[in-house]
């Protein structure tokens, strides 16, 4: 790389895995391959900007051919932490490896639910694993009639609370989530998620902009904290601040969609100060399409991202580093609507620097270690840096 690292951008395509991890069988995910199977299901993906970065050089994907001179350094990463959820994946990217998975609940105990109802003064419906849209079809009308919370979970460590905005004010929903967070802290539940919705039976819609995650705080410092300690700005886009319980985030920019998230990232590439970290989670691939087993929707979402990616590449500056990756898989073509234990893609683009093959990385923490190395930042985070490999690449004329 022609100069030391200036700004770092991490963009997470939520749920976009690139093939079963070596231990996928332990998670029931043998054969999972989110990117590849989505492409097969729709007859090929059209992603010219991801293609020129080198996505097709990581793994054969229908419609995304390998390129002889990819613009980005490329590889894939296996997760070290024992999990396949959003929180675990993002924490590991930031250099924090967990030694145990967050607990998953097929349902919550009567004692937990009774205390939740006592503190929030409402009853509940559900208390089972469910797709967020399907449970609204099932219980939304009854919720509107009774005012009871809709509570549901999934293959993640989550306690999700859905409420119609005309029945329960948003402030009351958020307050209920805060109370649930305290109730569930002793049980180490990863996230409490507020799921407001609107509309009428048969046409309910979730208010994505009103969603709020109440995460358990990271148990130790991450790259984000060390960056802030060093006087750097850390800008979290989308649900990043929620994932880290606001630890190590100096500025939070929530978004209601991938389209808004892409536009916000482009704006930050134009405005973010020198030396900053911009961290963005693009959730729609996972929340709207992965969990609904909708490969067609996922393909459209990826194409939308790819168009925005071209504009983002144009505004990055010399000395910037853009890392594109994912936090886990979310296979759209299997029988499950849950996350899958997969490798995730790694594309590291530095303007004007030739790409190279980074191979298979043993841990998402390589991202944190690479950024810390590039900054010359003393941060005891997990991972193996690939900064020197990027630095040794020739400058493209």
Protein backbone atom coordinates (compact mmCIF):
# COMPACT_ATOMS: atom_id res chain seq x y z
CA UNK A 1 0.00 0.00 0.00
CA UNK A 2 1.51 3.38 -0.95
CA UNK A 3 0.89 5.04 2.45
CA UNK A 4 -0.16 4.12 6.02
CA UNK A 5 -3.77 3.27 6.64
CA UNK A 6 -5.95 6.35 6.94
CA UNK A 7 -9.64 5.47 7.19
CA UNK A 8 -11.07 1.98 7.53
CA UNK A 9 -14.51 0.90 6.32
CA UNK A 10 -16.09 -2.44 7.28
CA UNK A 11 -19.27 -3.31 5.39
CA UNK A 12 -21.10 -6.45 6.48
CA UNK A 13 -23.50 -8.14 4.05
CA UNK A 14 -25.51 -9.80 6.79
CA UNK A 15 -25.96 -13.55 6.33
CA UNK A 16 -24.04 -13.90 3.04
CA UNK A 17 -21.90 -16.98 3.70
CA UNK A 18 -19.72 -18.71 1.08
CA UNK A 19 -19.94 -22.37 2.02
CA UNK A 20 -20.16 -24.70 4.99
CA UNK A 21 -17.53 -24.18 7.66
CA UNK A 22 -15.39 -27.18 8.69
CA UNK A 23 -17.58 -27.68 11.76
CA UNK A 24 -20.90 -26.99 10.02
CA UNK A 25 -22.09 -30.54 10.73
CA UNK A 26 -22.05 -29.75 14.45
CA UNK A 27 -24.62 -27.02 13.81
CA UNK A 28 -26.82 -29.02 11.45
CA UNK A 29 -25.61 -26.99 8.47
CA UNK A 30 -23.94 -29.54 6.21
CA UNK A 31 -24.18 -28.35 2.60
CA UNK A 32 -25.00 -24.74 3.41
CA UNK A 33 -23.71 -22.21 0.88
CA UNK A 34 -25.74 -19.02 0.90
CA UNK A 35 -24.11 -17.14 -1.99
CA UNK A 36 -23.77 -20.16 -4.29
CA UNK A 37 -27.22 -21.63 -3.69
CA UNK A 38 -28.92 -18.25 -4.01
CA UNK A 39 -27.22 -17.83 -7.40
CA UNK A 40 -28.30 -21.30 -8.51
CA UNK A 41 -31.89 -20.69 -7.44
CA UNK A 42 -32.21 -17.53 -9.55
CA UNK A 43 -30.19 -18.67 -12.57
CA UNK A 44 -27.11 -16.60 -11.76
CA UNK A 45 -26.30 -13.30 -10.06
CA UNK A 46 -25.41 -10.07 -11.87
CA UNK A 47 -22.92 -8.31 -9.58
CA UNK A 48 -20.35 -6.55 -11.78
CA UNK A 49 -18.70 -4.52 -9.02
CA UNK A 50 -18.35 -7.44 -6.62
CA UNK A 51 -17.05 -9.44 -9.57
CA UNK A 52 -14.31 -6.95 -10.39
CA UNK A 53 -13.32 -6.84 -6.73
CA UNK A 54 -12.81 -10.62 -6.83
CA UNK A 55 -15.90 -12.25 -5.31
CA UNK A 56 -15.80 -14.94 -8.01
CA UNK A 57 -12.17 -15.65 -7.14
CA UNK A 58 -13.18 -16.75 -3.63
CA UNK A 59 -15.63 -19.46 -4.68
CA UNK A 60 -17.38 -20.34 -7.96
CA UNK A 61 -20.69 -18.42 -8.06
CA UNK A 62 -23.03 -18.68 -11.04
CA UNK A 63 -22.99 -15.37 -12.90
CA UNK A 64 -19.96 -14.01 -10.99
CA UNK A 65 -16.89 -15.13 -12.90
CA UNK A 66 -13.37 -15.00 -11.46
CA UNK A 67 -11.28 -12.15 -12.80
CA UNK A 68 -7.62 -12.29 -13.79
CA UNK A 69 -6.72 -9.05 -11.99
CA UNK A 70 -9.16 -8.54 -9.11
CA UNK A 71 -9.18 -5.06 -7.61
CA UNK A 72 -9.40 -6.35 -4.05
CA UNK A 73 -7.41 -8.82 -2.04
CA UNK A 74 -9.72 -11.76 -1.49
CA UNK A 75 -10.25 -14.87 0.61
CA UNK A 76 -12.66 -16.36 3.09
CA UNK A 77 -12.76 -16.60 6.87
CA UNK A 78 -13.78 -19.33 9.31
CA UNK A 79 -15.29 -18.26 12.61
CA UNK A 80 -13.45 -19.25 15.78
CA UNK A 81 -16.21 -18.43 18.25
CA UNK A 82 -18.81 -21.18 18.77
CA UNK A 83 -21.85 -19.57 17.23
CA UNK A 84 -23.57 -18.43 14.08
CA UNK A 85 -25.34 -15.29 15.23
CA UNK A 86 -24.98 -11.60 14.48
CA UNK A 87 -23.49 -10.55 17.80
CA UNK A 88 -20.85 -13.29 17.87
CA UNK A 89 -19.80 -12.60 14.27
CA UNK A 90 -19.46 -8.85 14.67
CA UNK A 91 -17.65 -9.08 17.99
CA UNK A 92 -15.14 -11.46 16.44
CA UNK A 93 -14.56 -9.06 13.52
CA UNK A 94 -13.70 -6.49 16.18
CA UNK A 95 -11.19 -8.86 17.77
CA UNK A 96 -13.24 -10.49 20.53
CA UNK A 97 -13.50 -14.30 20.45
CA UNK A 98 -16.07 -15.99 22.67
CA UNK A 99 -15.33 -19.30 24.35
CA UNK A 100 -18.99 -20.32 24.55
CA UNK A 101 -22.07 -19.73 22.45
CA UNK A 102 -24.98 -17.60 23.55
CA UNK A 103 -27.82 -19.84 24.79
CA UNK A 104 -30.72 -20.49 22.44
CA UNK A 105 -34.23 -20.85 23.81
CA UNK A 106 -37.00 -22.80 22.03
CA UNK A 107 -39.26 -21.05 24.53
CA UNK A 108 -38.79 -18.99 27.66
CA UNK A 109 -39.73 -20.34 31.07
CA UNK A 110 -42.98 -19.50 32.82
CA UNK A 111 -40.97 -17.71 35.51
CA UNK A 112 -39.33 -15.42 32.93
CA UNK A 113 -42.59 -14.71 31.14
CA UNK A 114 -44.53 -14.11 34.36
CA UNK A 115 -41.94 -11.57 35.51
CA UNK A 116 -41.95 -9.88 32.10
CA UNK A 117 -45.75 -9.58 32.22
CA UNK A 118 -45.69 -8.31 35.80
CA UNK A 119 -43.21 -5.56 34.96
CA UNK A 120 -44.83 -4.51 31.68
CA UNK A 121 -48.52 -4.85 32.72
CA UNK A 122 -49.47 -6.75 29.59
CA UNK A 123 -49.93 -10.42 28.77
CA UNK A 124 -48.19 -12.16 25.91
CA UNK A 125 -48.83 -14.30 22.84
CA UNK A 126 -46.45 -16.73 21.16
CA UNK A 127 -43.25 -17.49 23.11
CA UNK A 128 -41.90 -19.80 20.41
CA UNK A 129 -39.45 -19.80 17.47
CA UNK A 130 -40.96 -18.11 14.44
CA UNK A 131 -40.34 -16.05 11.33
CA UNK A 132 -41.02 -12.41 12.10
CA UNK A 133 -43.48 -12.02 9.27
CA UNK A 134 -45.26 -15.34 9.82
CA UNK A 135 -45.91 -14.70 13.48
CA UNK A 136 -47.56 -11.39 12.59
CA UNK A 137 -49.88 -13.24 10.22
CA UNK A 138 -50.64 -15.73 12.98
CA UNK A 139 -50.98 -13.47 16.01
CA UNK A 140 -51.16 -9.87 14.77
CA UNK A 141 -54.94 -9.61 14.77
CA UNK A 142 -55.25 -11.16 18.24
CA UNK A 143 -52.58 -8.76 19.49
CA UNK A 144 -54.57 -5.80 18.16
CA UNK A 145 -57.69 -7.10 19.91
CA UNK A 146 -56.07 -7.95 23.27
CA UNK A 147 -53.06 -5.63 23.52
CA UNK A 148 -50.85 -8.56 24.54
CA UNK A 149 -47.20 -8.57 23.47
CA UNK A 150 -46.12 -10.91 20.67
CA UNK A 151 -43.00 -12.66 21.96
CA UNK A 152 -40.94 -14.96 19.76
CA UNK A 153 -37.44 -16.32 19.37
CA UNK A 154 -35.37 -18.10 16.69
CA UNK A 155 -32.20 -20.09 16.19
CA UNK A 156 -30.39 -17.00 17.54
CA UNK A 157 -30.12 -16.03 21.19
CA UNK A 158 -32.93 -13.48 20.98
CA UNK A 159 -36.08 -12.41 22.82
CA UNK A 160 -38.13 -10.51 20.24
CA UNK A 161 -41.11 -8.35 21.16
CA UNK A 162 -43.52 -7.29 18.43
CA UNK A 163 -46.23 -4.67 18.92
CA UNK A 164 -48.52 -2.72 16.60
CA UNK A 165 -47.76 0.99 16.71
CA UNK A 166 -51.46 1.89 16.98
CA UNK A 167 -51.86 -0.45 19.97
CA UNK A 168 -48.60 0.09 21.86
CA UNK A 169 -46.67 3.38 21.63
CA UNK A 170 -43.04 2.98 20.58
CA UNK A 171 -41.79 4.37 23.88
CA UNK A 172 -43.72 1.69 25.76
CA UNK A 173 -42.30 -1.03 23.50
CA UNK A 174 -38.76 0.22 24.05
CA UNK A 175 -39.32 0.43 27.80
CA UNK A 176 -40.57 -3.17 27.79
CA UNK A 177 -37.38 -4.22 25.96
CA UNK A 178 -35.22 -2.50 28.56
CA UNK A 179 -37.08 -4.34 31.32
CA UNK A 180 -36.71 -7.64 29.43
CA UNK A 181 -32.99 -6.95 29.07
CA UNK A 182 -32.58 -6.80 32.84
CA UNK A 183 -34.77 -9.86 33.39
CA UNK A 184 -32.77 -11.90 30.87
CA UNK A 185 -29.28 -10.71 31.77
CA UNK A 186 -28.79 -13.59 34.25
CA UNK A 187 -29.71 -16.00 31.43
CA UNK A 188 -27.10 -14.48 29.05
CA UNK A 189 -29.57 -13.92 26.19
CA UNK A 190 -27.69 -12.17 23.38
CA UNK A 191 -30.27 -9.62 22.25
CA UNK A 192 -33.68 -8.23 23.10
CA UNK A 193 -35.22 -6.89 19.89
CA UNK A 194 -38.06 -4.37 19.56
CA UNK A 195 -40.16 -5.24 16.49
CA UNK A 196 -42.78 -2.53 15.89
CA UNK A 197 -45.21 -3.06 13.03
CA UNK A 198 -48.17 -1.34 11.40
CA UNK A 199 -51.00 -1.99 8.95
CA UNK A 200 -54.07 -4.19 9.05
CA UNK A 201 -54.58 -7.98 9.23
CA UNK A 202 -53.43 -9.53 5.98
CA UNK A 203 -51.11 -6.62 5.20
CA UNK A 204 -48.94 -6.06 8.26
CA UNK A 205 -45.56 -4.42 7.68
CA UNK A 206 -42.62 -4.25 10.06
CA UNK A 207 -41.22 -0.81 10.85
CA UNK A 208 -37.56 -1.50 10.12
CA UNK A 209 -36.54 2.00 11.13
CA UNK A 210 -38.23 1.52 14.50
CA UNK A 211 -36.40 -1.71 15.25
CA UNK A 212 -34.01 -1.50 18.18
CA UNK A 213 -31.69 -4.16 19.56
CA UNK A 214 -30.72 -4.28 23.23
CA UNK A 215 -27.55 -6.34 23.29
CA UNK A 216 -25.58 -7.76 26.15
CA UNK A 217 -22.39 -5.63 26.38
CA UNK A 218 -19.12 -7.12 25.08
CA UNK A 219 -17.26 -8.77 27.98
CA UNK A 220 -14.00 -7.01 27.12
CA UNK A 221 -12.64 -4.27 24.90
CA UNK A 222 -12.79 -4.54 21.11
CA UNK A 223 -11.04 -2.71 18.29
CA UNK A 224 -13.78 -0.08 18.53
CA UNK A 225 -12.88 0.75 22.12
CA UNK A 226 -9.16 0.90 21.42
CA UNK A 227 -9.78 3.19 18.44
CA UNK A 228 -11.84 5.57 20.60
CA UNK A 229 -9.18 5.44 23.33
CA UNK A 230 -6.67 6.57 20.70
CA UNK A 231 -8.83 9.58 19.81
CA UNK A 232 -10.28 8.14 16.61
CA UNK A 233 -13.88 8.51 15.52
CA UNK A 234 -15.89 5.29 15.24
CA UNK A 235 -19.04 5.66 13.17
CA UNK A 236 -21.60 2.86 13.44
CA UNK A 237 -24.13 2.61 10.62
CA UNK A 238 -27.33 0.56 10.85
CA UNK A 239 -27.46 -1.65 13.94
CA UNK A 240 -23.73 -1.55 14.76
CA UNK A 241 -24.19 0.55 17.90
CA UNK A 242 -26.90 -1.85 19.09
CA UNK A 243 -24.69 -4.90 18.47
CA UNK A 244 -21.91 -3.44 20.63
CA UNK A 245 -24.32 -1.94 23.22
CA UNK A 246 -22.89 1.45 22.16
CA UNK A 247 -19.42 0.49 23.45
CA UNK A 248 -16.71 2.05 21.29
CA UNK A 249 -19.10 3.96 19.02
CA UNK A 250 -18.71 7.74 18.93
CA UNK A 251 -21.44 8.35 16.37
CA UNK A 252 -24.43 6.15 15.53
CA UNK A 253 -26.34 6.46 12.27
CA UNK A 254 -29.33 4.06 12.34
CA UNK A 255 -30.88 3.14 9.01
CA UNK A 256 -34.19 1.66 7.93
CA UNK A 257 -32.99 -0.29 4.86
CA UNK A 258 -29.95 -1.44 2.94
CA UNK A 259 -30.55 1.35 0.43
CA UNK A 260 -30.29 3.93 3.21
CA UNK A 261 -27.28 2.11 4.65
CA UNK A 262 -25.45 2.21 1.32
CA UNK A 263 -26.19 5.91 0.85
CA UNK A 264 -25.01 6.63 4.40
CA UNK A 265 -21.76 4.74 3.79
CA UNK A 266 -21.13 6.71 0.60
CA UNK A 267 -21.77 9.94 2.49
CA UNK A 268 -19.35 8.90 5.24
CA UNK A 269 -16.72 8.09 2.61
CA UNK A 270 -17.06 11.73 1.56
CA UNK A 271 -17.29 13.23 5.06
CA UNK A 272 -15.68 10.99 7.69
CA UNK A 273 -12.53 12.52 9.19
CA UNK A 274 -9.08 11.14 8.61
CA UNK A 275 -8.20 8.18 10.80
CA UNK A 276 -11.78 7.13 11.44
CA UNK A 277 -13.46 3.70 11.40
CA UNK A 278 -16.80 3.36 9.63
CA UNK A 279 -18.61 0.11 10.44
CA UNK A 280 -21.85 -0.79 8.63
CA UNK A 281 -24.21 -3.75 8.86
CA UNK A 282 -26.53 -4.20 5.87
CA UNK A 283 -29.22 -6.36 7.41
CA UNK A 284 -31.80 -6.80 4.63
CA UNK A 285 -30.09 -9.79 2.99
CA UNK A 286 -30.54 -11.63 6.28
CA UNK A 287 -33.69 -10.19 7.86
CA UNK A 288 -35.87 -9.72 4.80
CA UNK A 289 -34.71 -12.56 2.57
CA UNK A 290 -32.54 -15.13 4.35
CA UNK A 291 -34.99 -15.70 7.18
CA UNK A 292 -37.85 -15.87 4.68
CA UNK A 293 -36.13 -18.35 2.35
CA UNK A 294 -36.44 -15.90 -0.53
CA UNK A 295 -33.49 -16.26 -2.94
CA UNK A 296 -35.13 -13.99 -5.53
CA UNK A 297 -35.42 -11.19 -2.99
CA UNK A 298 -31.87 -11.80 -1.82
CA UNK A 299 -30.61 -11.56 -5.42
CA UNK A 300 -32.41 -8.25 -5.94
CA UNK A 301 -30.99 -6.96 -2.66
CA UNK A 302 -27.45 -7.94 -3.71
CA UNK A 303 -27.89 -6.23 -7.08
CA UNK A 304 -29.02 -3.05 -5.29
CA UNK A 305 -25.95 -3.21 -3.09
CA UNK A 306 -23.67 -3.81 -6.06
CA UNK A 307 -24.91 -0.65 -7.77
CA UNK A 308 -24.20 1.37 -4.64
CA UNK A 309 -20.83 -0.34 -4.25
CA UNK A 310 -19.67 1.08 -7.58
CA UNK A 311 -20.39 4.60 -6.32
CA UNK A 312 -18.67 3.87 -3.00
CA UNK A 313 -15.50 2.69 -4.75
CA UNK A 314 -15.40 5.94 -6.71
CA UNK A 315 -15.31 8.16 -3.60
CA UNK A 316 -12.79 6.25 -1.48
CA UNK A 317 -9.46 8.04 -1.06
CA UNK A 318 -5.85 6.82 -1.28
CA UNK A 319 -4.98 5.40 2.12
CA UNK A 320 -8.52 4.14 2.75
CA UNK A 321 -9.28 0.45 3.24
CA UNK A 322 -12.68 -1.06 2.49
CA UNK A 323 -13.39 -4.54 3.88
CA UNK A 324 -16.49 -6.36 2.65
CA UNK A 325 -17.53 -9.46 4.56
CA UNK A 326 -20.43 -11.23 6.32
CA UNK A 327 -21.17 -12.33 9.87
CA UNK A 328 -22.57 -15.83 9.18
CA UNK A 329 -24.67 -17.58 6.53
CA UNK A 330 -28.43 -17.60 6.04
CA UNK A 331 -29.24 -20.28 3.50
CA UNK A 332 -32.37 -19.41 1.49
CA UNK A 333 -32.76 -22.81 -0.16
CA UNK A 334 -32.89 -25.15 2.83
CA UNK A 335 -35.82 -26.05 5.06
CA UNK A 336 -34.68 -23.84 7.94
CA UNK A 337 -35.15 -20.11 8.34
CA UNK A 338 -32.22 -19.86 10.76
CA UNK A 339 -28.61 -18.79 10.31
CA UNK A 340 -26.03 -21.25 8.98
CA UNK A 341 -22.45 -21.94 10.07
CA UNK A 342 -20.42 -20.92 7.01
CA UNK A 343 -17.23 -19.36 5.85
CA UNK A 344 -17.70 -15.66 5.12
CA UNK A 345 -16.21 -13.75 2.18
CA UNK A 346 -13.29 -11.38 2.61
CA UNK A 347 -12.71 -8.60 0.09
CA UNK A 348 -10.15 -5.94 1.07
CA UNK A 349 -9.97 -3.01 -1.34
CA UNK A 350 -7.34 -0.27 -1.12
CA UNK A 351 -7.62 2.34 -3.90
CA UNK A 352 -4.80 2.00 -6.38
CA UNK A 353 -3.37 -1.19 -4.89
CA UNK A 354 -3.51 -4.53 -6.71
CA UNK A 355 -5.45 -7.38 -5.14
CA UNK A 356 -4.01 -10.72 -4.08
CA UNK A 357 -5.20 -14.07 -2.77
CA UNK A 358 -5.48 -13.99 1.03
CA UNK A 359 -6.49 -17.65 1.25
CA UNK A 360 -8.50 -19.10 4.12
CA UNK A 361 -8.29 -17.05 7.29
CA UNK A 362 -8.69 -18.76 10.64
CA UNK A 363 -10.87 -16.24 12.41
CA UNK A 364 -12.86 -13.09 11.72
CA UNK A 365 -10.49 -11.26 14.07
CA UNK A 366 -8.02 -10.91 11.21
CA UNK A 367 -10.05 -7.82 10.25
CA UNK A 368 -9.46 -6.15 13.63
CA UNK A 369 -5.79 -7.09 13.73
CA UNK A 370 -5.22 -5.81 10.18
CA UNK A 371 -6.80 -2.42 10.88
CA UNK A 372 -4.90 -2.07 14.17
CA UNK A 373 -1.66 -3.00 12.37
CA UNK A 374 -2.31 -0.50 9.59
CA UNK A 375 -2.88 2.25 12.12
CA UNK A 376 0.09 1.25 14.24
CA UNK A 377 -2.37 0.92 17.09
CA UNK A 378 -1.46 -1.14 20.14
CA UNK A 379 -4.64 -3.15 20.62
CA UNK A 380 -4.57 -6.64 22.16
CA UNK A 381 -7.28 -7.99 19.87
CA UNK A 382 -7.54 -11.50 18.45
CA UNK A 383 -6.55 -12.25 14.88
CA UNK A 384 -3.69 -12.44 12.40
CA UNK A 385 -3.00 -9.30 10.38
CA UNK A 386 -2.89 -9.39 6.58
CA UNK A 387 -1.75 -5.76 6.44
CA UNK A 388 1.80 -6.68 5.37
CA UNK A 389 0.40 -8.70 2.47
CA UNK A 390 -1.60 -5.66 1.33
CA UNK A 391 1.41 -3.37 1.79
CA UNK A 392 3.58 -5.57 -0.41
CA UNK A 393 1.27 -5.26 -3.37
CA UNK A 394 2.24 -3.04 -6.29
CA UNK A 395 0.50 0.26 -6.91
CA UNK A 396 -1.81 0.14 -9.92
CA UNK A 397 -1.05 2.87 -12.45
